[in-house]
């Protein structure tokens, strides 16, 4: 594929940018991946502290409440993703992502002073509006900025920045209540400062986006398919068993992801306080477990990408689902996520989580035709969103009524079922057989 070398390159990488995109624009976009995705992940981590210290809710209700808040969050994202995309085509990407950072900051601010579930719900709704705008614009700008020959490299580097944002912000911000409480600050005040400093970071990010991202309206905008057209083409494409397998993998992999984000910190805080720790120290330990899991995902991602390019893509799904099943089902053996066995299980879980996500995206990319790609990928994303709704609605209730590991086990069973389906597809409809390079 030809590269236009009259355009700028994102140094020091061999990543060529589209016409009119500067290195400053591209590096600001990389910061957007770090900041937007990192702060979106952090709310679920911080929420466990708010439920325990600020609202002082009984532990046997926190799973349901956390799941419900995440459920409504995802529903708002589903409803607003397309309108924000249309608006971005009309007024440009930059004002939408700046707005997203401000809305996310407002959500964190409301959380800081919440005194009841209604306050949290309002904060979560405002935050979700920002999340819909921010996550959509990260994906859209990522498609705008590279030349076609460098699109894969842009996705890879963006994914690294996403992972770094999740790990760095979760660890750095998640330590704050413990640090502040050791300095003599009251528990609620420490939580408020944690949320307000995060909101301040979002405001700074909005200023950086305004200064560094390319302004204006895109020169060309493709028509976006209506929901009815997306569903019609998406269902038609599912006659291909490998596309159907991709849809199912999107359901499980996105559900996997949200279960880790919502319930690891909550389980850690509950297990820590039961062991005699204060909630700040328990949150600190929980963020470390979460960070270790996500760091393993970050390290394993290029390995799984290499494997995926060496084997049949359905075989890659089989490998990913085996790893994910092992990690998620392994949580049933744990009394707490905070000790050595817990950390080991969550390391495997992080590897399985990222494997499922990468291989599902790789298979759908291979199996879609150019003329149907927008609708089929849209249907793939819709299946992922449904997976999140399922995981949050069911997982939260099982967390309270069964055991803290219940949401993980449910997703482990789903991954195990998909493993069986993938083996069947591999035997009956393997598709493209890649030759090792």
Protein backbone atom coordinates (compact mmCIF):
# COMPACT_ATOMS: atom_id res chain seq x y z
CA UNK A 1 0.00 0.00 0.00
CA UNK A 2 1.41 3.37 -1.06
CA UNK A 3 2.45 5.93 1.56
CA UNK A 4 2.22 9.67 0.91
CA UNK A 5 5.59 10.79 2.32
CA UNK A 6 4.76 14.43 1.77
CA UNK A 7 2.66 14.15 4.93
CA UNK A 8 4.05 14.10 8.46
CA UNK A 9 5.13 10.98 10.35
CA UNK A 10 4.41 10.38 14.01
CA UNK A 11 8.02 10.19 15.14
CA UNK A 12 9.73 8.04 16.27
CA UNK A 13 7.27 5.50 14.86
CA UNK A 14 6.88 4.47 11.19
CA UNK A 15 3.32 5.78 11.36
CA UNK A 16 2.32 8.09 8.53
CA UNK A 17 -0.39 10.66 9.17
CA UNK A 18 -3.18 11.77 6.88
CA UNK A 19 -2.93 15.01 4.93
CA UNK A 20 -3.27 18.05 7.17
CA UNK A 21 -2.60 16.15 10.40
CA UNK A 22 0.45 17.31 12.36
CA UNK A 23 2.57 15.46 14.89
CA UNK A 24 1.12 17.73 17.54
CA UNK A 25 -2.40 16.69 16.54
CA UNK A 26 -1.45 13.02 16.65
CA UNK A 27 0.33 13.16 20.02
CA UNK A 28 -2.63 15.06 21.47
CA UNK A 29 -4.81 12.24 20.20
CA UNK A 30 -2.56 9.74 21.98
CA UNK A 31 -3.01 11.74 25.17
CA UNK A 32 -6.77 11.60 24.56
CA UNK A 33 -6.57 7.79 24.51
CA UNK A 34 -4.69 7.90 27.81
CA UNK A 35 -6.94 10.45 29.49
CA UNK A 36 -10.42 9.57 28.23
CA UNK A 37 -10.19 5.79 28.54
CA UNK A 38 -8.22 6.03 31.79
CA UNK A 39 -10.78 8.24 33.52
CA UNK A 40 -13.67 6.17 32.18
CA UNK A 41 -12.15 3.06 33.77
CA UNK A 42 -11.35 4.84 37.03
CA UNK A 43 -14.91 5.73 38.01
CA UNK A 44 -15.79 2.06 38.54
CA UNK A 45 -12.67 1.66 40.69
CA UNK A 46 -13.41 4.75 42.80
CA UNK A 47 -17.11 4.02 43.12
CA UNK A 48 -16.56 1.23 45.64
CA UNK A 49 -15.02 3.73 48.08
CA UNK A 50 -17.93 6.17 47.61
CA UNK A 51 -20.50 3.43 48.30
CA UNK A 52 -18.67 2.33 51.44
CA UNK A 53 -17.52 5.59 53.03
CA UNK A 54 -19.74 8.35 51.65
CA UNK A 55 -23.07 6.53 51.46
CA UNK A 56 -22.22 3.81 54.04
CA UNK A 57 -24.30 1.25 52.17
CA UNK A 58 -24.60 -2.33 53.39
CA UNK A 59 -22.19 -4.62 51.56
CA UNK A 60 -24.96 -6.96 50.45
CA UNK A 61 -26.50 -4.16 48.35
CA UNK A 62 -23.37 -2.71 46.75
CA UNK A 63 -23.10 -5.24 43.92
CA UNK A 64 -26.64 -4.62 42.68
CA UNK A 65 -26.22 -0.84 42.90
CA UNK A 66 -22.86 -0.95 41.07
CA UNK A 67 -24.29 -3.17 38.37
CA UNK A 68 -27.36 -0.99 37.90
CA UNK A 69 -25.30 2.19 37.63
CA UNK A 70 -23.08 0.54 35.02
CA UNK A 71 -26.19 -0.75 33.20
CA UNK A 72 -27.69 2.73 32.83
CA UNK A 73 -24.29 4.07 31.88
CA UNK A 74 -24.03 1.64 28.96
CA UNK A 75 -27.64 2.19 27.87
CA UNK A 76 -27.01 5.94 27.58
CA UNK A 77 -23.84 5.27 25.58
CA UNK A 78 -25.81 3.04 23.17
CA UNK A 79 -28.49 5.70 22.71
CA UNK A 80 -26.11 8.64 22.24
CA UNK A 81 -23.23 7.10 20.26
CA UNK A 82 -24.87 7.63 16.86
CA UNK A 83 -26.18 11.18 17.54
CA UNK A 84 -22.73 12.28 18.70
CA UNK A 85 -21.21 10.74 15.57
CA UNK A 86 -23.62 12.65 13.34
CA UNK A 87 -22.98 15.87 15.26
CA UNK A 88 -19.21 15.38 14.94
CA UNK A 89 -19.58 15.19 11.16
CA UNK A 90 -21.35 18.56 11.22
CA UNK A 91 -19.40 20.61 13.77
CA UNK A 92 -16.11 18.69 13.96
CA UNK A 93 -14.47 16.19 16.29
CA UNK A 94 -12.70 18.64 18.60
CA UNK A 95 -15.72 20.35 20.23
CA UNK A 96 -17.32 16.96 20.93
CA UNK A 97 -14.29 15.51 22.71
CA UNK A 98 -13.75 18.76 24.64
CA UNK A 99 -17.39 18.57 25.73
CA UNK A 100 -16.88 14.94 26.74
CA UNK A 101 -14.02 15.80 29.10
CA UNK A 102 -16.10 18.57 30.73
CA UNK A 103 -19.11 16.25 31.15
CA UNK A 104 -16.94 13.51 32.66
CA UNK A 105 -15.47 16.08 35.05
CA UNK A 106 -18.99 17.13 36.05
CA UNK A 107 -19.90 13.51 36.74
CA UNK A 108 -16.91 13.05 39.04
CA UNK A 109 -17.76 16.31 40.83
CA UNK A 110 -21.33 15.19 41.54
CA UNK A 111 -20.00 11.86 42.81
CA UNK A 112 -17.71 13.76 45.21
CA UNK A 113 -20.66 15.33 47.03
CA UNK A 114 -23.26 12.56 46.58
CA UNK A 115 -25.22 11.65 49.69
CA UNK A 116 -27.65 9.09 48.26
CA UNK A 117 -28.27 6.78 45.30
CA UNK A 118 -30.24 9.45 43.44
CA UNK A 119 -27.21 11.77 43.51
CA UNK A 120 -24.99 8.97 42.19
CA UNK A 121 -27.48 8.21 39.43
CA UNK A 122 -27.53 11.85 38.29
CA UNK A 123 -23.74 11.95 38.37
CA UNK A 124 -23.53 8.69 36.44
CA UNK A 125 -25.96 9.92 33.76
CA UNK A 126 -23.94 13.09 33.17
CA UNK A 127 -20.73 11.05 33.19
CA UNK A 128 -22.29 8.60 30.68
CA UNK A 129 -23.12 11.44 28.29
CA UNK A 130 -19.44 12.39 28.41
CA UNK A 131 -18.43 8.75 28.01
CA UNK A 132 -20.60 8.39 24.90
CA UNK A 133 -19.04 11.49 23.35
CA UNK A 134 -15.49 10.68 24.42
CA UNK A 135 -15.29 7.01 23.49
CA UNK A 136 -16.97 7.71 20.15
CA UNK A 137 -14.57 10.54 19.31
CA UNK A 138 -11.50 8.53 20.28
CA UNK A 139 -12.58 5.90 17.75
CA UNK A 140 -13.52 8.48 15.10
CA UNK A 141 -10.34 10.54 15.39
CA UNK A 142 -8.36 7.32 15.32
CA UNK A 143 -9.90 6.61 11.93
CA UNK A 144 -9.31 10.18 10.68
CA UNK A 145 -5.65 10.69 11.55
CA UNK A 146 -3.59 7.87 9.94
CA UNK A 147 -2.95 7.06 6.32
CA UNK A 148 -4.45 3.73 5.31
CA UNK A 149 -1.04 2.04 5.29
CA UNK A 150 -0.50 3.05 8.94
CA UNK A 151 -3.99 2.31 10.25
CA UNK A 152 -2.94 -0.85 12.06
CA UNK A 153 -0.02 0.89 13.72
CA UNK A 154 -2.30 3.70 14.86
CA UNK A 155 -4.70 1.17 16.42
CA UNK A 156 -1.83 -0.62 18.13
CA UNK A 157 -0.27 2.53 19.59
CA UNK A 158 -3.70 3.82 20.65
CA UNK A 159 -4.38 0.53 22.43
CA UNK A 160 -1.12 0.86 24.33
CA UNK A 161 -2.06 4.38 25.42
CA UNK A 162 -5.52 3.13 26.46
CA UNK A 163 -3.92 0.48 28.64
CA UNK A 164 -1.41 2.88 30.14
CA UNK A 165 -4.20 5.31 30.98
CA UNK A 166 -6.21 2.63 32.74
CA UNK A 167 -3.23 1.36 34.75
CA UNK A 168 -1.53 4.67 35.59
CA UNK A 169 -4.65 6.65 36.49
CA UNK A 170 -6.22 3.80 38.48
CA UNK A 171 -3.08 3.30 40.55
CA UNK A 172 -2.22 6.98 40.99
CA UNK A 173 -5.72 8.21 41.78
CA UNK A 174 -6.75 5.07 43.65
CA UNK A 175 -3.96 5.65 46.19
CA UNK A 176 -5.24 9.10 47.14
CA UNK A 177 -7.78 8.23 49.88
CA UNK A 178 -5.25 6.08 51.73
CA UNK A 179 -2.51 8.72 51.43
CA UNK A 180 -4.82 11.54 52.52
CA UNK A 181 -6.25 9.56 55.43
CA UNK A 182 -2.77 8.75 56.68
CA UNK A 183 -2.17 12.49 56.65
CA UNK A 184 -5.10 12.97 59.01
CA UNK A 185 -7.91 13.75 56.58
CA UNK A 186 -11.42 12.41 57.30
CA UNK A 187 -12.59 9.48 55.10
CA UNK A 188 -15.33 11.41 53.28
CA UNK A 189 -13.08 14.41 52.68
CA UNK A 190 -10.37 12.10 51.31
CA UNK A 191 -12.89 10.61 48.88
CA UNK A 192 -14.03 14.06 47.80
CA UNK A 193 -10.47 15.10 47.02
CA UNK A 194 -9.95 11.90 45.01
CA UNK A 195 -12.98 12.65 42.85
CA UNK A 196 -12.31 16.40 42.56
CA UNK A 197 -8.68 15.92 41.54
CA UNK A 198 -9.86 13.48 38.87
CA UNK A 199 -12.38 16.07 37.69
CA UNK A 200 -9.57 18.65 37.59
CA UNK A 201 -7.48 16.33 35.45
CA UNK A 202 -10.42 16.05 33.03
CA UNK A 203 -10.68 19.85 32.78
CA UNK A 204 -6.94 20.08 32.03
CA UNK A 205 -7.42 17.38 29.40
CA UNK A 206 -10.22 19.43 27.79
CA UNK A 207 -7.84 22.40 27.47
CA UNK A 208 -5.17 20.18 25.92
CA UNK A 209 -7.69 18.77 23.43
CA UNK A 210 -8.78 22.27 22.44
CA UNK A 211 -5.21 23.40 21.89
CA UNK A 212 -3.78 20.26 20.27
CA UNK A 213 -6.40 18.52 18.15
CA UNK A 214 -7.17 19.56 14.60
CA UNK A 215 -10.17 21.83 14.36
CA UNK A 216 -12.77 22.19 11.66
CA UNK A 217 -15.23 19.86 9.99
CA UNK A 218 -13.93 16.75 8.14
CA UNK A 219 -13.69 17.28 4.39
CA UNK A 220 -15.78 14.21 3.68
CA UNK A 221 -18.18 12.30 5.88
CA UNK A 222 -19.59 8.91 5.04
CA UNK A 223 -23.28 8.36 5.51
CA UNK A 224 -23.94 6.56 8.77
CA UNK A 225 -26.30 3.58 8.50
CA UNK A 226 -29.61 3.77 10.32
CA UNK A 227 -30.19 1.32 13.14
CA UNK A 228 -32.70 -0.66 11.07
CA UNK A 229 -30.23 -0.94 8.16
CA UNK A 230 -27.45 -1.94 10.54
CA UNK A 231 -29.57 -4.71 12.05
CA UNK A 232 -30.76 -6.00 8.65
CA UNK A 233 -27.26 -6.22 7.17
CA UNK A 234 -25.85 -7.49 10.47
CA UNK A 235 -28.31 -10.36 10.69
CA UNK A 236 -27.75 -11.21 7.06
CA UNK A 237 -23.99 -11.34 7.57
CA UNK A 238 -24.47 -13.72 10.50
CA UNK A 239 -25.36 -16.47 8.02
CA UNK A 240 -21.58 -16.78 7.85
CA UNK A 241 -20.83 -18.88 10.97
CA UNK A 242 -17.56 -17.05 11.54
CA UNK A 243 -19.37 -13.70 11.64
CA UNK A 244 -21.91 -15.19 14.05
CA UNK A 245 -19.00 -16.42 16.17
CA UNK A 246 -17.54 -12.90 16.12
CA UNK A 247 -20.81 -11.45 17.35
CA UNK A 248 -20.90 -13.95 20.21
CA UNK A 249 -17.25 -13.17 21.00
CA UNK A 250 -18.09 -9.45 21.13
CA UNK A 251 -20.85 -10.23 23.63
CA UNK A 252 -18.53 -12.15 25.94
CA UNK A 253 -15.39 -10.05 25.54
CA UNK A 254 -17.12 -6.75 26.27
CA UNK A 255 -18.98 -8.34 29.19
CA UNK A 256 -15.64 -9.66 30.46
CA UNK A 257 -14.17 -6.18 30.34
CA UNK A 258 -16.92 -4.46 32.32
CA UNK A 259 -17.03 -7.20 34.97
CA UNK A 260 -13.34 -6.57 35.71
CA UNK A 261 -13.85 -2.79 35.81
CA UNK A 262 -16.92 -2.83 38.04
CA UNK A 263 -16.38 -5.71 40.44
CA UNK A 264 -12.63 -6.10 41.10
CA UNK A 265 -12.39 -2.95 43.21
CA UNK A 266 -15.73 -3.61 44.91
CA UNK A 267 -14.70 -7.16 45.86
CA UNK A 268 -11.31 -5.89 47.03
CA UNK A 269 -12.77 -3.19 49.27
CA UNK A 270 -15.25 -5.62 50.82
CA UNK A 271 -12.59 -8.32 51.33
CA UNK A 272 -10.14 -5.77 52.74
CA UNK A 273 -12.56 -4.26 55.22
CA UNK A 274 -13.63 -7.76 56.30
CA UNK A 275 -9.95 -8.48 57.02
CA UNK A 276 -9.69 -5.38 59.22
CA UNK A 277 -8.33 -2.82 56.75
CA UNK A 278 -9.87 0.62 56.44
CA UNK A 279 -11.58 1.31 53.11
CA UNK A 280 -8.75 3.54 51.88
CA UNK A 281 -6.13 0.83 52.37
CA UNK A 282 -8.49 -1.76 50.87
CA UNK A 283 -9.06 0.44 47.80
CA UNK A 284 -5.29 0.88 47.45
CA UNK A 285 -4.78 -2.89 47.43
CA UNK A 286 -7.72 -3.34 45.06
CA UNK A 287 -6.33 -0.86 42.56
CA UNK A 288 -3.03 -2.73 42.65
CA UNK A 289 -4.81 -6.01 41.81
CA UNK A 290 -6.71 -4.24 39.01
CA UNK A 291 -3.51 -2.63 37.73
CA UNK A 292 -1.64 -5.94 37.72
CA UNK A 293 -4.46 -7.54 35.74
CA UNK A 294 -4.49 -4.71 33.20
CA UNK A 295 -0.68 -4.62 32.99
CA UNK A 296 -0.69 -8.30 32.08
CA UNK A 297 -3.27 -7.50 29.43
CA UNK A 298 -1.04 -4.72 28.11
CA UNK A 299 2.02 -7.00 27.98
CA UNK A 300 0.12 -9.90 26.44
CA UNK A 301 -1.69 -7.87 23.75
CA UNK A 302 1.17 -7.88 21.19
CA UNK A 303 1.79 -11.58 21.86
CA UNK A 304 -1.83 -12.38 21.13
CA UNK A 305 -1.68 -10.18 18.04
CA UNK A 306 1.37 -12.14 16.83
CA UNK A 307 -0.41 -15.47 17.49
CA UNK A 308 -3.49 -14.23 15.67
CA UNK A 309 -1.44 -13.51 12.55
CA UNK A 310 0.18 -16.97 12.66
CA UNK A 311 -2.90 -19.18 12.97
CA UNK A 312 -6.40 -19.43 11.62
CA UNK A 313 -8.49 -16.65 13.18
CA UNK A 314 -11.03 -19.16 14.54
CA UNK A 315 -8.17 -21.06 16.16
CA UNK A 316 -7.13 -17.76 17.75
CA UNK A 317 -10.64 -17.44 19.19
CA UNK A 318 -10.31 -20.95 20.64
CA UNK A 319 -7.02 -20.03 22.32
CA UNK A 320 -8.49 -16.78 23.66
CA UNK A 321 -11.62 -18.41 25.05
CA UNK A 322 -9.59 -21.15 26.74
CA UNK A 323 -7.48 -18.50 28.49
CA UNK A 324 -10.51 -16.38 29.39
CA UNK A 325 -12.44 -19.39 30.74
CA UNK A 326 -9.46 -20.37 32.90
CA UNK A 327 -9.08 -16.88 34.35
CA UNK A 328 -12.73 -16.09 35.02
CA UNK A 329 -13.69 -19.53 36.35
CA UNK A 330 -10.55 -19.53 38.50
CA UNK A 331 -12.04 -16.77 40.66
CA UNK A 332 -14.43 -19.35 42.17
CA UNK A 333 -11.43 -20.81 44.02
CA UNK A 334 -10.63 -17.51 45.77
CA UNK A 335 -11.62 -16.29 49.21
CA UNK A 336 -10.10 -12.87 48.48
CA UNK A 337 -8.51 -11.21 45.46
CA UNK A 338 -5.89 -9.53 47.65
CA UNK A 339 -3.50 -12.40 48.41
CA UNK A 340 -0.99 -14.30 46.24
CA UNK A 341 -3.45 -16.78 44.67
CA UNK A 342 -5.86 -13.94 43.93
CA UNK A 343 -3.20 -11.92 42.16
CA UNK A 344 -2.15 -15.00 40.14
CA UNK A 345 -5.74 -15.65 39.02
CA UNK A 346 -6.25 -12.03 38.03
CA UNK A 347 -3.04 -12.07 36.02
CA UNK A 348 -4.43 -14.99 34.00
CA UNK A 349 -7.77 -13.21 33.83
CA UNK A 350 -6.15 -10.10 32.34
CA UNK A 351 -4.47 -12.23 29.67
CA UNK A 352 -7.75 -13.94 28.84
CA UNK A 353 -9.66 -10.66 28.79
CA UNK A 354 -7.40 -8.96 26.25
CA UNK A 355 -7.10 -12.15 24.17
CA UNK A 356 -10.86 -12.37 23.80
CA UNK A 357 -11.11 -8.70 22.84
CA UNK A 358 -8.30 -8.77 20.25
CA UNK A 359 -9.29 -12.04 18.56
CA UNK A 360 -12.96 -11.08 18.26
CA UNK A 361 -11.96 -7.83 16.51
CA UNK A 362 -9.51 -9.69 14.26
CA UNK A 363 -12.06 -12.26 13.12
CA UNK A 364 -14.78 -9.70 12.35
CA UNK A 365 -12.27 -7.59 10.42
CA UNK A 366 -11.30 -10.60 8.29
CA UNK A 367 -14.86 -11.70 7.59
CA UNK A 368 -16.50 -8.40 6.57
CA UNK A 369 -16.72 -7.13 3.00
CA UNK A 370 -15.82 -3.53 2.29
CA UNK A 371 -19.35 -2.64 1.22
CA UNK A 372 -20.87 -4.08 4.42
CA UNK A 373 -18.11 -3.20 6.87
CA UNK A 374 -19.80 -0.25 8.55
CA UNK A 375 -23.05 -2.09 9.24
CA UNK A 376 -21.43 -5.37 10.28
CA UNK A 377 -18.93 -3.72 12.60
CA UNK A 378 -21.81 -1.67 13.99
CA UNK A 379 -23.73 -4.87 14.70
CA UNK A 380 -20.58 -6.32 16.27
CA UNK A 381 -20.41 -3.28 18.58
CA UNK A 382 -24.12 -3.60 19.38
CA UNK A 383 -23.58 -7.23 20.45
CA UNK A 384 -20.74 -6.03 22.68
CA UNK A 385 -23.02 -3.43 24.24
CA UNK A 386 -25.67 -6.08 24.91
CA UNK A 387 -22.95 -8.16 26.58
CA UNK A 388 -22.18 -5.25 28.89
CA UNK A 389 -25.86 -4.78 29.73
CA UNK A 390 -26.15 -8.49 30.55
CA UNK A 391 -22.98 -8.57 32.65
CA UNK A 392 -23.90 -5.51 34.71
CA UNK A 393 -27.59 -6.33 35.25
CA UNK A 394 -27.05 -9.99 36.16
CA UNK A 395 -23.58 -9.70 37.67
CA UNK A 396 -24.44 -7.11 40.29
CA UNK A 397 -27.35 -9.10 41.67
CA UNK A 398 -25.36 -12.33 41.78
CA UNK A 399 -22.50 -10.46 43.49
CA UNK A 400 -24.87 -9.67 46.38
CA UNK A 401 -27.00 -12.83 46.46
CA UNK A 402 -24.44 -15.53 45.64
CA UNK A 403 -20.78 -14.53 46.07
CA UNK A 404 -18.36 -11.75 45.04
CA UNK A 405 -16.85 -14.04 42.41
CA UNK A 406 -20.27 -14.76 40.85
CA UNK A 407 -20.07 -12.15 38.02
CA UNK A 408 -16.68 -13.55 36.99
CA UNK A 409 -17.94 -17.14 37.04
CA UNK A 410 -20.95 -16.22 34.90
CA UNK A 411 -18.66 -14.71 32.27
CA UNK A 412 -16.35 -17.71 32.61
CA UNK A 413 -19.24 -20.03 31.77
CA UNK A 414 -20.12 -17.78 28.79
CA UNK A 415 -16.52 -17.97 27.58
CA UNK A 416 -16.53 -21.75 28.02
CA UNK A 417 -19.70 -22.02 25.94
CA UNK A 418 -18.12 -19.89 23.24
CA UNK A 419 -15.02 -22.09 23.34
CA UNK A 420 -17.19 -25.09 22.45
CA UNK A 421 -18.90 -23.11 19.68
CA UNK A 422 -15.54 -21.96 18.30
CA UNK A 423 -14.25 -25.53 18.16
CA UNK A 424 -17.39 -26.53 16.22
CA UNK A 425 -16.93 -23.63 13.76
CA UNK A 426 -13.26 -24.49 13.35
CA UNK A 427 -14.15 -28.06 12.40
CA UNK A 428 -17.06 -27.22 10.12
CA UNK A 429 -16.28 -23.77 8.68
CA UNK A 430 -12.64 -22.79 9.31
CA UNK A 431 -12.50 -20.06 6.65
CA UNK A 432 -9.16 -18.57 5.69
CA UNK A 433 -6.15 -20.70 6.67
CA UNK A 434 -3.19 -18.41 7.23
CA UNK A 435 0.25 -19.65 6.31
CA UNK A 436 2.89 -19.04 8.97
CA UNK A 437 5.20 -16.19 8.02
